[in-house]
Protein backbone atom coordinates (compact mmCIF):
# COMPACT_ATOMS: atom_id res chain seq x y z
CA MET A 1 12.03 -39.12 -81.07
CA SER A 2 13.17 -35.78 -79.92
CA ARG A 3 12.29 -32.56 -81.63
CA TRP A 4 14.87 -31.24 -84.03
CA ALA A 5 15.56 -27.54 -85.37
CA VAL A 6 17.14 -26.64 -88.84
CA LEU A 7 18.78 -23.00 -88.00
CA LEU A 8 20.01 -21.53 -91.22
CA ASP A 9 22.03 -18.58 -91.61
CA LEU A 10 20.31 -15.60 -94.71
CA ASP A 11 22.69 -13.82 -96.32
CA ASN A 12 24.46 -16.54 -98.83
CA THR A 13 23.36 -19.67 -97.64
CA LEU A 14 18.82 -19.43 -97.38
CA VAL A 15 19.26 -16.33 -100.05
CA LEU A 16 21.99 -15.58 -102.50
CA THR A 17 22.65 -11.66 -101.85
CA ASP A 18 25.81 -10.75 -103.32
CA THR A 19 24.52 -8.37 -105.62
CA ILE A 20 22.76 -6.33 -103.06
CA GLU A 21 25.64 -6.45 -100.71
CA SER A 22 27.10 -2.79 -101.14
CA LEU A 23 23.80 -1.43 -100.45
CA ARG A 24 23.05 -2.80 -97.19
CA ARG A 25 23.93 0.07 -95.06
CA ARG A 26 21.57 3.53 -94.72
CA PRO A 27 19.28 4.13 -96.36
CA TRP A 28 17.84 0.87 -96.32
CA SER A 29 15.33 1.81 -98.88
CA ARG A 30 17.69 1.46 -101.46
CA CYS A 31 18.71 -1.82 -100.45
CA TYR A 32 14.97 -3.47 -100.25
CA ARG A 33 14.20 -1.98 -103.63
CA ALA A 34 17.27 -3.91 -104.61
CA PHE A 35 15.95 -7.16 -103.58
CA GLY A 36 14.83 -8.32 -107.01
CA LEU A 37 18.11 -9.08 -107.76
CA THR A 38 18.62 -11.42 -105.01
CA LYS A 39 17.42 -14.97 -105.83
CA LEU A 40 16.92 -18.54 -103.88
CA PRO A 41 19.53 -21.52 -104.31
CA PRO A 42 18.42 -23.96 -106.75
CA GLY A 43 16.58 -25.94 -105.03
CA THR A 44 15.49 -23.33 -101.95
CA ALA A 45 11.71 -24.33 -101.39
CA GLU A 46 12.37 -28.42 -102.18
CA PHE A 47 14.53 -27.69 -99.25
CA LEU A 48 12.67 -26.21 -96.95
CA ALA A 49 9.19 -27.88 -97.39
CA GLN A 50 11.70 -31.61 -97.17
CA ALA A 51 13.40 -29.52 -93.50
CA HIS A 52 10.02 -28.47 -92.18
CA ARG A 53 8.88 -31.68 -92.44
CA ILE A 54 11.70 -33.47 -89.96
CA ALA A 55 12.66 -30.35 -87.75
CA THR A 56 11.74 -26.52 -86.90
CA LEU A 57 12.50 -24.17 -88.70
CA GLY A 58 14.48 -21.07 -87.83
CA VAL A 59 16.62 -18.48 -89.38
CA VAL A 60 19.82 -16.60 -87.35
CA THR A 61 21.54 -13.61 -89.31
CA MET A 62 23.81 -10.98 -88.37
CA ALA A 63 21.50 -8.43 -90.52
CA PRO A 64 19.32 -6.09 -88.91
CA ARG A 65 15.76 -7.68 -88.23
CA PRO A 66 13.95 -5.27 -90.85
CA TYR A 67 15.84 -6.49 -93.74
CA ALA A 68 15.47 -10.04 -93.03
CA GLU A 69 11.95 -9.66 -92.18
CA LYS A 70 11.94 -7.87 -94.92
CA LEU A 71 14.74 -10.26 -97.79
CA LEU A 72 12.49 -13.47 -95.93
CA ALA A 73 8.63 -11.71 -97.33
CA HIS A 74 10.61 -10.99 -100.86
CA HIS A 75 11.01 -14.61 -101.26
CA GLY A 76 7.84 -16.05 -100.40
CA LEU A 77 9.60 -17.65 -97.43
CA SER A 78 7.88 -18.32 -93.90
CA ILE A 79 10.21 -19.18 -90.90
CA PRO A 80 8.85 -19.50 -87.77
CA VAL A 81 11.63 -18.20 -86.00
CA LEU A 82 14.77 -15.48 -86.27
CA VAL A 83 17.37 -14.07 -84.48
CA ALA A 84 18.76 -10.61 -86.25
CA TYR A 85 21.49 -8.60 -85.42
CA HIS A 86 19.78 -6.23 -82.74
CA ASP A 87 17.94 -9.12 -80.82
CA ILE A 88 21.31 -10.34 -79.22
CA VAL A 89 24.29 -8.37 -77.63
CA ARG A 90 27.19 -11.16 -78.39
CA ARG A 91 26.98 -12.03 -82.50
CA LYS A 92 28.34 -14.88 -84.10
CA PRO A 93 31.16 -16.45 -83.74
CA ASN A 94 29.99 -16.07 -80.36
CA PRO A 95 27.26 -18.96 -79.80
CA ASP A 96 24.37 -16.29 -78.40
CA PRO A 97 22.86 -15.52 -81.71
CA ILE A 98 22.11 -19.57 -81.79
CA LEU A 99 21.17 -20.53 -78.09
CA LYS A 100 18.47 -17.53 -78.72
CA ALA A 101 16.91 -19.15 -81.49
CA ALA A 102 17.08 -22.53 -79.76
CA ALA A 103 15.43 -20.90 -76.80
CA GLU A 104 12.71 -19.19 -78.63
CA LEU A 105 12.30 -23.08 -80.19
CA GLU A 106 12.09 -24.67 -77.18
CA ILE A 107 14.80 -27.30 -78.14
CA ASP A 108 18.08 -28.10 -76.62
CA CYS A 109 21.13 -26.90 -79.12
CA ARG A 110 22.17 -30.16 -78.61
CA GLN A 111 18.79 -30.89 -80.87
CA CYS A 112 19.85 -28.16 -83.57
CA VAL A 113 21.37 -28.20 -86.96
CA TYR A 114 23.11 -24.75 -88.15
CA VAL A 115 24.01 -24.48 -91.56
CA GLY A 116 25.91 -21.34 -92.58
CA ASP A 117 28.52 -20.13 -95.73
CA LYS A 118 31.23 -18.31 -93.00
CA PRO A 119 33.61 -19.44 -91.00
CA ASP A 120 31.91 -17.73 -87.78
CA ASP A 121 28.68 -19.93 -88.02
CA LEU A 122 30.52 -22.90 -88.03
CA ILE A 123 31.95 -21.08 -84.71
CA ALA A 124 29.10 -20.19 -83.15
CA ALA A 125 27.13 -23.60 -83.69
CA ALA A 126 30.56 -25.42 -82.59
CA SER A 127 30.49 -23.47 -79.39
CA ALA A 128 26.78 -23.66 -79.09
CA SER A 129 26.25 -27.07 -79.21
CA ALA A 130 24.86 -27.40 -82.47
CA VAL A 131 25.58 -29.72 -85.16
CA PRO A 132 27.22 -27.17 -87.33
CA ILE A 133 27.03 -28.21 -91.33
CA GLY A 134 28.65 -25.63 -94.10
CA LEU A 135 26.76 -24.26 -97.57
CA SER A 136 29.67 -23.17 -99.59
CA TRP A 137 27.89 -22.30 -102.77
CA ASP A 138 31.36 -21.34 -104.26
CA GLY A 139 33.65 -23.94 -102.34
CA SER A 140 35.21 -20.96 -100.24
CA LEU A 141 34.52 -22.62 -97.09
CA ILE A 142 36.07 -25.61 -97.78
CA ALA A 143 39.39 -24.29 -97.57
CA THR A 144 38.88 -22.52 -94.24
CA GLU A 145 40.31 -23.82 -91.45
CA GLN A 146 37.51 -23.64 -89.30
CA ALA A 147 35.92 -26.17 -92.26
CA SER A 148 37.16 -28.77 -89.79
CA LEU A 149 34.44 -27.74 -87.36
CA ALA A 150 31.70 -28.68 -89.67
CA VAL A 151 30.27 -32.46 -89.66
CA ALA A 152 30.70 -31.93 -93.32
CA VAL A 153 30.87 -29.28 -96.13
CA CYS A 154 28.17 -29.23 -98.69
CA ALA A 155 27.44 -27.73 -102.10
CA ASN A 156 24.09 -27.81 -102.17
CA TRP A 157 20.84 -28.49 -100.72
CA ASN A 158 19.89 -31.62 -101.45
CA GLU A 159 23.61 -32.83 -99.46
CA VAL A 160 22.41 -30.79 -97.04
CA ILE A 161 18.66 -32.44 -96.38
CA GLU A 162 20.53 -36.24 -97.01
CA LEU A 163 22.79 -34.99 -94.08
CA ILE A 164 20.29 -33.76 -91.93
CA LYS A 165 18.32 -36.68 -92.28
CA ARG A 166 20.79 -38.97 -91.55
CA ILE A 167 21.78 -36.72 -88.02
CA ILE A 168 18.15 -36.67 -86.76
CA ARG A 169 17.38 -40.16 -87.52
């Protein structure tokens, strides 16, 4: 059985952060103090536990690393690999962030599933030859042209993990 990775977008995929979006600028301390307004989508802990049993986990985000690290820590999420805004030159929709995460994990991109909530996430995953999965908590991603790049657009973590299990096996 070959090794797989499950790479996740951070904002509004792994953690619901709409409530602090307007604070995501200097001074960052205001944003960090508002992390209590963010929340994990229903079933996140269970999804991560199941995904961790079958793949290596990583986060690919266009947020700055300190923000991403602090947000993950705030929610008690320990993810082995994090690729953030300043870690690459060309950002999503360019495939470079996903390619970098795969390289850090020493896994071929074709053995990576990338889960994101925005059209740029799907473009980046497809361009990297990773398996793109859309996750649309509000259904808005389904209406985009880029949704066709995803193997599926899911509405919750249960759908995502079942799809990943089918892909990996």
